Amino acid sequence: MIMLLLLGPLMIFLLFVAPLWLVLHYRSKRKFTNNLNEDDAVQLTRLSEQARQLDARIRTLEHILDVEAPDWRQHYE
């Protein structure tokens, strides 16, 4: 009996809601990726490289602190 009650809403969801949801989702993803112009792409690449450099600096500083003050992490974690 419970299966019959759930079968109707499940079929409606699978036939109508899920396909519409997928179409709208991927349409919005495509619009977002198409909206990046050349300047935005250059800035995104530059910011990504800066983030990598900052990450490397943080790792270096953490390594130095691990050598010089091994218990420093206990105060910040």
PDB file of N, CA and C in Angstrom:
ATOM      1  N   MET A   1       0.821  -1.189   0.000  1.00  0.00           N
ATOM      2  CA  MET A   1       0.000   0.000   0.000  1.00  0.00           C
ATOM      3  C   MET A   1       0.870   1.260   0.000  1.00  0.00           C
ATOM      4  N   ILE A   2       1.892   1.252   0.843  1.00  0.00           N
ATOM      5  CA  ILE A   2       2.777   2.413   0.910  1.00  0.00           C
ATOM      6  C   ILE A   2       3.524   2.594  -0.420  1.00  0.00           C
ATOM      7  N   MET A   3       3.904   1.479  -1.015  1.00  0.00           N
ATOM      8  CA  MET A   3       4.608   1.558  -2.302  1.00  0.00           C
ATOM      9  C   MET A   3       3.728   2.207  -3.366  1.00  0.00           C
ATOM     10  N   LEU A   4       2.449   1.897  -3.363  1.00  0.00           N
ATOM     11  CA  LEU A   4       1.538   2.498  -4.333  1.00  0.00           C
ATOM     12  C   LEU A   4       1.389   3.992  -4.100  1.00  0.00           C
ATOM     13  N   LEU A   5       1.403   4.424  -2.845  1.00  0.00           N
ATOM     14  CA  LEU A   5       1.297   5.842  -2.532  1.00  0.00           C
ATOM     15  C   LEU A   5       2.554   6.599  -2.958  1.00  0.00           C
ATOM     16  N   LEU A   6       3.697   5.945  -2.868  1.00  0.00           N
ATOM     17  CA  LEU A   6       4.954   6.593  -3.237  1.00  0.00           C
ATOM     18  C   LEU A   6       5.237   6.514  -4.739  1.00  0.00           C
ATOM     19  N   LEU A   7       4.627   5.561  -5.403  1.00  0.00           N
ATOM     20  CA  LEU A   7       4.896   5.360  -6.823  1.00  0.00           C
ATOM     21  C   LEU A   7       4.447   6.545  -7.671  1.00  0.00           C
ATOM     22  N   GLY A   8       3.310   7.130  -7.372  1.00  0.00           N
ATOM     23  CA  GLY A   8       2.807   8.263  -8.154  1.00  0.00           C
ATOM     24  C   GLY A   8       3.722   9.478  -8.076  1.00  0.00           C
ATOM     25  N   PRO A   9       4.019   9.975  -6.868  1.00  0.00           N
ATOM     26  CA  PRO A   9       4.927  11.123  -6.773  1.00  0.00           C
ATOM     27  C   PRO A   9       6.324  10.825  -7.329  1.00  0.00           C
ATOM     28  N   LEU A  10       6.781   9.583  -7.143  1.00  0.00           N
ATOM     29  CA  LEU A  10       8.094   9.213  -7.672  1.00  0.00           C
ATOM     30  C   LEU A  10       8.101   9.262  -9.199  1.00  0.00           C
ATOM     31  N   MET A  11       7.062   8.778  -9.824  1.00  0.00           N
ATOM     32  CA  MET A  11       6.977   8.813 -11.289  1.00  0.00           C
ATOM     33  C   MET A  11       6.891  10.249 -11.797  1.00  0.00           C
ATOM     34  N   ILE A  12       6.113  11.097 -11.121  1.00  0.00           N
ATOM     35  CA  ILE A  12       6.024  12.498 -11.520  1.00  0.00           C
ATOM     36  C   ILE A  12       7.381  13.166 -11.399  1.00  0.00           C
ATOM     37  N   PHE A  13       8.071  12.881 -10.294  1.00  0.00           N
ATOM     38  CA  PHE A  13       9.397  13.460 -10.109  1.00  0.00           C
ATOM     39  C   PHE A  13      10.354  13.001 -11.210  1.00  0.00           C
ATOM     40  N   LEU A  14      10.390  11.702 -11.484  1.00  0.00           N
ATOM     41  CA  LEU A  14      11.324  11.170 -12.470  1.00  0.00           C
ATOM     42  C   LEU A  14      10.995  11.604 -13.900  1.00  0.00           C
ATOM     43  N   LEU A  15       9.725  11.768 -14.215  1.00  0.00           N
ATOM     44  CA  LEU A  15       9.339  12.117 -15.579  1.00  0.00           C
ATOM     45  C   LEU A  15       9.364  13.613 -15.864  1.00  0.00           C
ATOM     46  N   PHE A  16       9.069  14.430 -14.864  1.00  0.00           N
ATOM     47  CA  PHE A  16       8.947  15.858 -15.119  1.00  0.00           C
ATOM     48  C   PHE A  16       9.973  16.713 -14.369  1.00  0.00           C
ATOM     49  N   VAL A  17      10.075  16.519 -13.082  1.00  0.00           N
ATOM     50  CA  VAL A  17      10.907  17.401 -12.261  1.00  0.00           C
ATOM     51  C   VAL A  17      12.390  17.170 -12.509  1.00  0.00           C
ATOM     52  N   ALA A  18      12.837  15.928 -12.455  1.00  0.00           N
ATOM     53  CA  ALA A  18      14.262  15.637 -12.595  1.00  0.00           C
ATOM     54  C   ALA A  18      14.828  16.094 -13.951  1.00  0.00           C
ATOM     55  N   PRO A  19      14.175  15.779 -15.081  1.00  0.00           N
ATOM     56  CA  PRO A  19      14.732  16.262 -16.356  1.00  0.00           C
ATOM     57  C   PRO A  19      14.761  17.792 -16.449  1.00  0.00           C
ATOM     58  N   LEU A  20      13.695  18.450 -15.975  1.00  0.00           N
ATOM     59  CA  LEU A  20      13.666  19.903 -16.002  1.00  0.00           C
ATOM     60  C   LEU A  20      14.768  20.477 -15.110  1.00  0.00           C
ATOM     61  N   TRP A  21      14.951  19.877 -13.956  1.00  0.00           N
ATOM     62  CA  TRP A  21      15.988  20.295 -13.033  1.00  0.00           C
ATOM     63  C   TRP A  21      17.367  20.174 -13.687  1.00  0.00           C
ATOM     64  N   LEU A  22      17.646  19.067 -14.328  1.00  0.00           N
ATOM     65  CA  LEU A  22      18.934  18.866 -14.998  1.00  0.00           C
ATOM     66  C   LEU A  22      19.152  19.869 -16.126  1.00  0.00           C
ATOM     67  N   VAL A  23      18.135  20.085 -16.940  1.00  0.00           N
ATOM     68  CA  VAL A  23      18.256  21.032 -18.049  1.00  0.00           C
ATOM     69  C   VAL A  23      18.554  22.428 -17.525  1.00  0.00           C
ATOM     70  N   LEU A  24      17.817  22.873 -16.524  1.00  0.00           N
ATOM     71  CA  LEU A  24      18.044  24.213 -15.976  1.00  0.00           C
ATOM     72  C   LEU A  24      19.394  24.322 -15.287  1.00  0.00           C
ATOM     73  N   HIS A  25      19.806  23.276 -14.622  1.00  0.00           N
ATOM     74  CA  HIS A  25      21.104  23.288 -13.953  1.00  0.00           C
ATOM     75  C   HIS A  25      22.239  23.458 -14.961  1.00  0.00           C
ATOM     76  N   TYR A  26      22.261  22.632 -15.994  1.00  0.00           N
ATOM     77  CA  TYR A  26      23.355  22.701 -16.953  1.00  0.00           C
ATOM     78  C   TYR A  26      23.270  23.945 -17.831  1.00  0.00           C
ATOM     79  N   ARG A  27      22.095  24.482 -18.045  1.00  0.00           N
ATOM     80  CA  ARG A  27      21.967  25.739 -18.782  1.00  0.00           C
ATOM     81  C   ARG A  27      22.602  26.875 -17.971  1.00  0.00           C
ATOM     82  N   SER A  28      22.353  26.894 -16.677  1.00  0.00           N
ATOM     83  CA  SER A  28      22.953  27.943 -15.846  1.00  0.00           C
ATOM     84  C   SER A  28      24.461  27.776 -15.753  1.00  0.00           C
ATOM     85  N   LYS A  29      24.952  26.537 -15.711  1.00  0.00           N
ATOM     86  CA  LYS A  29      26.407  26.300 -15.704  1.00  0.00           C
ATOM     87  C   LYS A  29      27.028  26.830 -16.995  1.00  0.00           C
ATOM     88  N   ARG A  30      26.390  26.577 -18.119  1.00  0.00           N
ATOM     89  CA  ARG A  30      26.912  27.023 -19.410  1.00  0.00           C
ATOM     90  C   ARG A  30      26.926  28.549 -19.500  1.00  0.00           C
ATOM     91  N   LYS A  31      25.880  29.187 -18.987  1.00  0.00           N
ATOM     92  CA  LYS A  31      25.838  30.643 -19.007  1.00  0.00           C
ATOM     93  C   LYS A  31      26.949  31.227 -18.147  1.00  0.00           C
ATOM     94  N   PHE A  32      27.230  30.613 -17.022  1.00  0.00           N
ATOM     95  CA  PHE A  32      28.283  31.113 -16.138  1.00  0.00           C
ATOM     96  C   PHE A  32      29.647  31.008 -16.799  1.00  0.00           C
ATOM     97  N   THR A  33      29.953  29.890 -17.427  1.00  0.00           N
ATOM     98  CA  THR A  33      31.265  29.732 -18.057  1.00  0.00           C
ATOM     99  C   THR A  33      31.403  30.604 -19.299  1.00  0.00           C
ATOM    100  N   ASN A  34      30.297  30.884 -19.987  1.00  0.00           N
ATOM    101  CA  ASN A  34      30.364  31.730 -21.177  1.00  0.00           C
ATOM    102  C   ASN A  34      30.490  33.210 -20.838  1.00  0.00           C
ATOM    103  N   ASN A  35      30.195  33.575 -19.594  1.00  0.00           N
ATOM    104  CA  ASN A  35      30.236  34.977 -19.213  1.00  0.00           C
ATOM    105  C   ASN A  35      31.640  35.478 -18.894  1.00  0.00           C
ATOM    106  N   LEU A  36      32.614  34.615 -18.823  1.00  0.00           N
ATOM    107  CA  LEU A  36      33.976  35.057 -18.560  1.00  0.00           C
ATOM    108  C   LEU A  36      34.562  35.664 -19.832  1.00  0.00           C
ATOM    109  N   ASN A  37      34.875  36.940 -19.769  1.00  0.00           N
ATOM    110  CA  ASN A  37      35.529  37.544 -20.915  1.00  0.00           C
ATOM    111  C   ASN A  37      37.044  37.396 -20.754  1.00  0.00           C
ATOM    112  N   GLU A  38      37.793  37.939 -21.681  1.00  0.00           N
ATOM    113  CA  GLU A  38      39.250  37.755 -21.679  1.00  0.00           C
ATOM    114  C   GLU A  38      39.896  38.381 -20.442  1.00  0.00           C
ATOM    115  N   ASP A  39      39.441  39.568 -20.054  1.00  0.00           N
ATOM    116  CA  ASP A  39      40.003  40.229 -18.875  1.00  0.00           C
ATOM    117  C   ASP A  39      39.737  39.422 -17.602  1.00  0.00           C
ATOM    118  N   ASP A  40      38.531  38.881 -17.496  1.00  0.00           N
ATOM    119  CA  ASP A  40      38.204  38.065 -16.326  1.00  0.00           C
ATOM    120  C   ASP A  40      39.057  36.802 -16.282  1.00  0.00           C
ATOM    121  N   ALA A  41      39.267  36.193 -17.428  1.00  0.00           N
ATOM    122  CA  ALA A  41      40.083  34.981 -17.478  1.00  0.00           C
ATOM    123  C   ALA A  41      41.525  35.283 -17.084  1.00  0.00           C
ATOM    124  N   VAL A  42      42.057  36.414 -17.554  1.00  0.00           N
ATOM    125  CA  VAL A  42      43.428  36.797 -17.196  1.00  0.00           C
ATOM    126  C   VAL A  42      43.516  37.060 -15.696  1.00  0.00           C
ATOM    127  N   GLN A  43      42.550  37.774 -15.158  1.00  0.00           N
ATOM    128  CA  GLN A  43      42.550  38.074 -13.725  1.00  0.00           C
ATOM    129  C   GLN A  43      42.399  36.794 -12.904  1.00  0.00           C
ATOM    130  N   LEU A  44      41.551  35.879 -13.341  1.00  0.00           N
ATOM    131  CA  LEU A  44      41.375  34.614 -12.643  1.00  0.00           C
ATOM    132  C   LEU A  44      42.673  33.812 -12.636  1.00  0.00           C
ATOM    133  N   THR A  45      43.384  33.789 -13.760  1.00  0.00           N
ATOM    134  CA  THR A  45      44.665  33.094 -13.839  1.00  0.00           C
ATOM    135  C   THR A  45      45.687  33.742 -12.914  1.00  0.00           C
ATOM    136  N   ARG A  46      45.721  35.073 -12.902  1.00  0.00           N
ATOM    137  CA  ARG A  46      46.664  35.791 -12.048  1.00  0.00           C
ATOM    138  C   ARG A  46      46.376  35.538 -10.571  1.00  0.00           C
ATOM    139  N   LEU A  47      45.116  35.582 -10.195  1.00  0.00           N
ATOM    140  CA  LEU A  47      44.741  35.339  -8.804  1.00  0.00           C
ATOM    141  C   LEU A  47      45.020  33.893  -8.388  1.00  0.00           C
ATOM    142  N   SER A  48      44.819  32.984  -9.304  1.00  0.00           N
ATOM    143  CA  SER A  48      45.120  31.580  -9.017  1.00  0.00           C
ATOM    144  C   SER A  48      46.621  31.388  -8.769  1.00  0.00           C
ATOM    145  N   GLU A  49      47.443  32.032  -9.571  1.00  0.00           N
ATOM    146  CA  GLU A  49      48.901  31.947  -9.383  1.00  0.00           C
ATOM    147  C   GLU A  49      49.304  32.592  -8.060  1.00  0.00           C
ATOM    148  N   GLN A  50      48.695  33.720  -7.711  1.00  0.00           N
ATOM    149  CA  GLN A  50      48.984  34.361  -6.425  1.00  0.00           C
ATOM    150  C   GLN A  50      48.609  33.448  -5.264  1.00  0.00           C
ATOM    151  N   ALA A  51      47.496  32.764  -5.389  1.00  0.00           N
ATOM    152  CA  ALA A  51      47.074  31.846  -4.330  1.00  0.00           C
ATOM    153  C   ALA A  51      48.077  30.710  -4.181  1.00  0.00           C
ATOM    154  N   ARG A  52      48.594  30.200  -5.295  1.00  0.00           N
ATOM    155  CA  ARG A  52      49.617  29.143  -5.216  1.00  0.00           C
ATOM    156  C   ARG A  52      50.879  29.658  -4.534  1.00  0.00           C
ATOM    157  N   GLN A  53      51.293  30.872  -4.872  1.00  0.00           N
ATOM    158  CA  GLN A  53      52.489  31.442  -4.253  1.00  0.00           C
ATOM    159  C   GLN A  53      52.287  31.659  -2.755  1.00  0.00           C
ATOM    160  N   LEU A  54      51.124  32.168  -2.367  1.00  0.00           N
ATOM    161  CA  LEU A  54      50.850  32.372  -0.947  1.00  0.00           C
ATOM    162  C   LEU A  54      50.802  31.043  -0.200  1.00  0.00           C
ATOM    163  N   ASP A  55      50.264  30.026  -0.823  1.00  0.00           N
ATOM    164  CA  ASP A  55      50.238  28.709  -0.206  1.00  0.00           C
ATOM    165  C   ASP A  55      51.657  28.191   0.018  1.00  0.00           C
ATOM    166  N   ALA A  56      52.531  28.383  -0.966  1.00  0.00           N
ATOM    167  CA  ALA A  56      53.924  27.947  -0.814  1.00  0.00           C
ATOM    168  C   ALA A  56      54.606  28.724   0.310  1.00  0.00           C
ATOM    169  N   ARG A  57      54.344  30.018   0.412  1.00  0.00           N
ATOM    170  CA  ARG A  57      54.931  30.821   1.493  1.00  0.00           C
ATOM    171  C   ARG A  57      54.450  30.351   2.856  1.00  0.00           C
ATOM    172  N   ILE A  58      53.175  30.065   2.965  1.00  0.00           N
ATOM    173  CA  ILE A  58      52.628  29.592   4.243  1.00  0.00           C
ATOM    174  C   ILE A  58      53.263  28.262   4.626  1.00  0.00           C
ATOM    175  N   ARG A  59      53.397  27.360   3.667  1.00  0.00           N
ATOM    176  CA  ARG A  59      54.048  26.077   3.958  1.00  0.00           C
ATOM    177  C   ARG A  59      55.474  26.275   4.426  1.00  0.00           C
ATOM    178  N   THR A  60      56.196  27.194   3.780  1.00  0.00           N
ATOM    179  CA  THR A  60      57.575  27.472   4.183  1.00  0.00           C
ATOM    180  C   THR A  60      57.617  28.029   5.602  1.00  0.00           C
ATOM    181  N   LEU A  61      56.743  28.977   5.899  1.00  0.00           N
ATOM    182  CA  LEU A  61      56.704  29.553   7.245  1.00  0.00           C
ATOM    183  C   LEU A  61      56.330  28.504   8.291  1.00  0.00           C
ATOM    184  N   GLU A  62      55.387  27.645   7.973  1.00  0.00           N
ATOM    185  CA  GLU A  62      55.018  26.595   8.909  1.00  0.00           C
ATOM    186  C   GLU A  62      56.173  25.633   9.140  1.00  0.00           C
ATOM    187  N   HIS A  63      56.920  25.333   8.091  1.00  0.00           N
ATOM    188  CA  HIS A  63      58.082  24.446   8.234  1.00  0.00           C
ATOM    189  C   HIS A  63      59.130  25.097   9.138  1.00  0.00           C
ATOM    190  N   ILE A  64      59.375  26.381   8.934  1.00  0.00           N
ATOM    191  CA  ILE A  64      60.342  27.094   9.780  1.00  0.00           C
ATOM    192  C   ILE A  64      59.869  27.084  11.236  1.00  0.00           C
ATOM    193  N   LEU A  65      58.597  27.355  11.445  1.00  0.00           N
ATOM    194  CA  LEU A  65      58.067  27.342  12.809  1.00  0.00           C
ATOM    195  C   LEU A  65      58.127  25.945  13.424  1.00  0.00           C
ATOM    196  N   ASP A  66      57.882  24.909  12.626  1.00  0.00           N
ATOM    197  CA  ASP A  66      57.978  23.540  13.143  1.00  0.00           C
ATOM    198  C   ASP A  66      59.385  23.234  13.635  1.00  0.00           C
ATOM    199  N   VAL A  67      60.393  23.762  12.944  1.00  0.00           N
ATOM    200  CA  VAL A  67      61.787  23.520  13.335  1.00  0.00           C
ATOM    201  C   VAL A  67      62.152  24.355  14.562  1.00  0.00           C
ATOM    202  N   GLU A  68      61.785  25.619  14.546  1.00  0.00           N
ATOM    203  CA  GLU A  68      62.219  26.524  15.612  1.00  0.00           C
ATOM    204  C   GLU A  68      61.344  26.449  16.865  1.00  0.00           C
ATOM    205  N   ALA A  69      60.065  26.238  16.720  1.00  0.00           N
ATOM    206  CA  ALA A  69      59.149  26.171  17.868  1.00  0.00           C
ATOM    207  C   ALA A  69      58.155  25.040  17.635  1.00  0.00           C
ATOM    208  N   PRO A  70      58.549  23.804  17.946  1.00  0.00           N
ATOM    209  CA  PRO A  70      57.715  22.638  17.608  1.00  0.00           C
ATOM    210  C   PRO A  70      56.313  22.655  18.209  1.00  0.00           C
ATOM    211  N   ASP A  71      56.092  23.368  19.300  1.00  0.00           N
ATOM    212  CA  ASP A  71      54.759  23.343  19.923  1.00  0.00           C
ATOM    213  C   ASP A  71      53.887  24.537  19.540  1.00  0.00           C
ATOM    214  N   TRP A  72      54.228  25.244  18.503  1.00  0.00           N
ATOM    215  CA  TRP A  72      53.461  26.436  18.109  1.00  0.00           C
ATOM    216  C   TRP A  72      52.041  26.085  17.657  1.00  0.00           C
ATOM    217  N   ARG A  73      51.883  24.907  17.069  1.00  0.00           N
ATOM    218  CA  ARG A  73      50.560  24.523  16.559  1.00  0.00           C
ATOM    219  C   ARG A  73      49.545  24.306  17.682  1.00  0.00           C
ATOM    220  N   GLN A  74      50.004  23.929  18.839  1.00  0.00           N
ATOM    221  CA  GLN A  74      49.097  23.677  19.961  1.00  0.00           C
ATOM    222  C   GLN A  74      48.362  24.960  20.364  1.00  0.00           C
ATOM    223  N   HIS A  75      48.956  26.100  20.143  1.00  0.00           N
ATOM    224  CA  HIS A  75      48.344  27.351  20.525  1.00  0.00           C
ATOM    225  C   HIS A  75      47.314  27.829  19.499  1.00  0.00           C
ATOM    226  N   TYR A  76      47.366  27.316  18.269  1.00  0.00           N
ATOM    227  CA  TYR A  76      46.513  27.828  17.197  1.00  0.00           C
ATOM    228  C   TYR A  76      45.529  26.807  16.634  1.00  0.00           C
ATOM    229  N   GLU A  77      45.624  25.575  17.073  1.00  0.00           N
ATOM    230  CA  GLU A  77      44.696  24.557  16.542  1.00  0.00           C
ATOM    231  C   GLU A  77      43.750  24.092  17.590  1.00  0.00           C
TER     232      GLU A  77
END
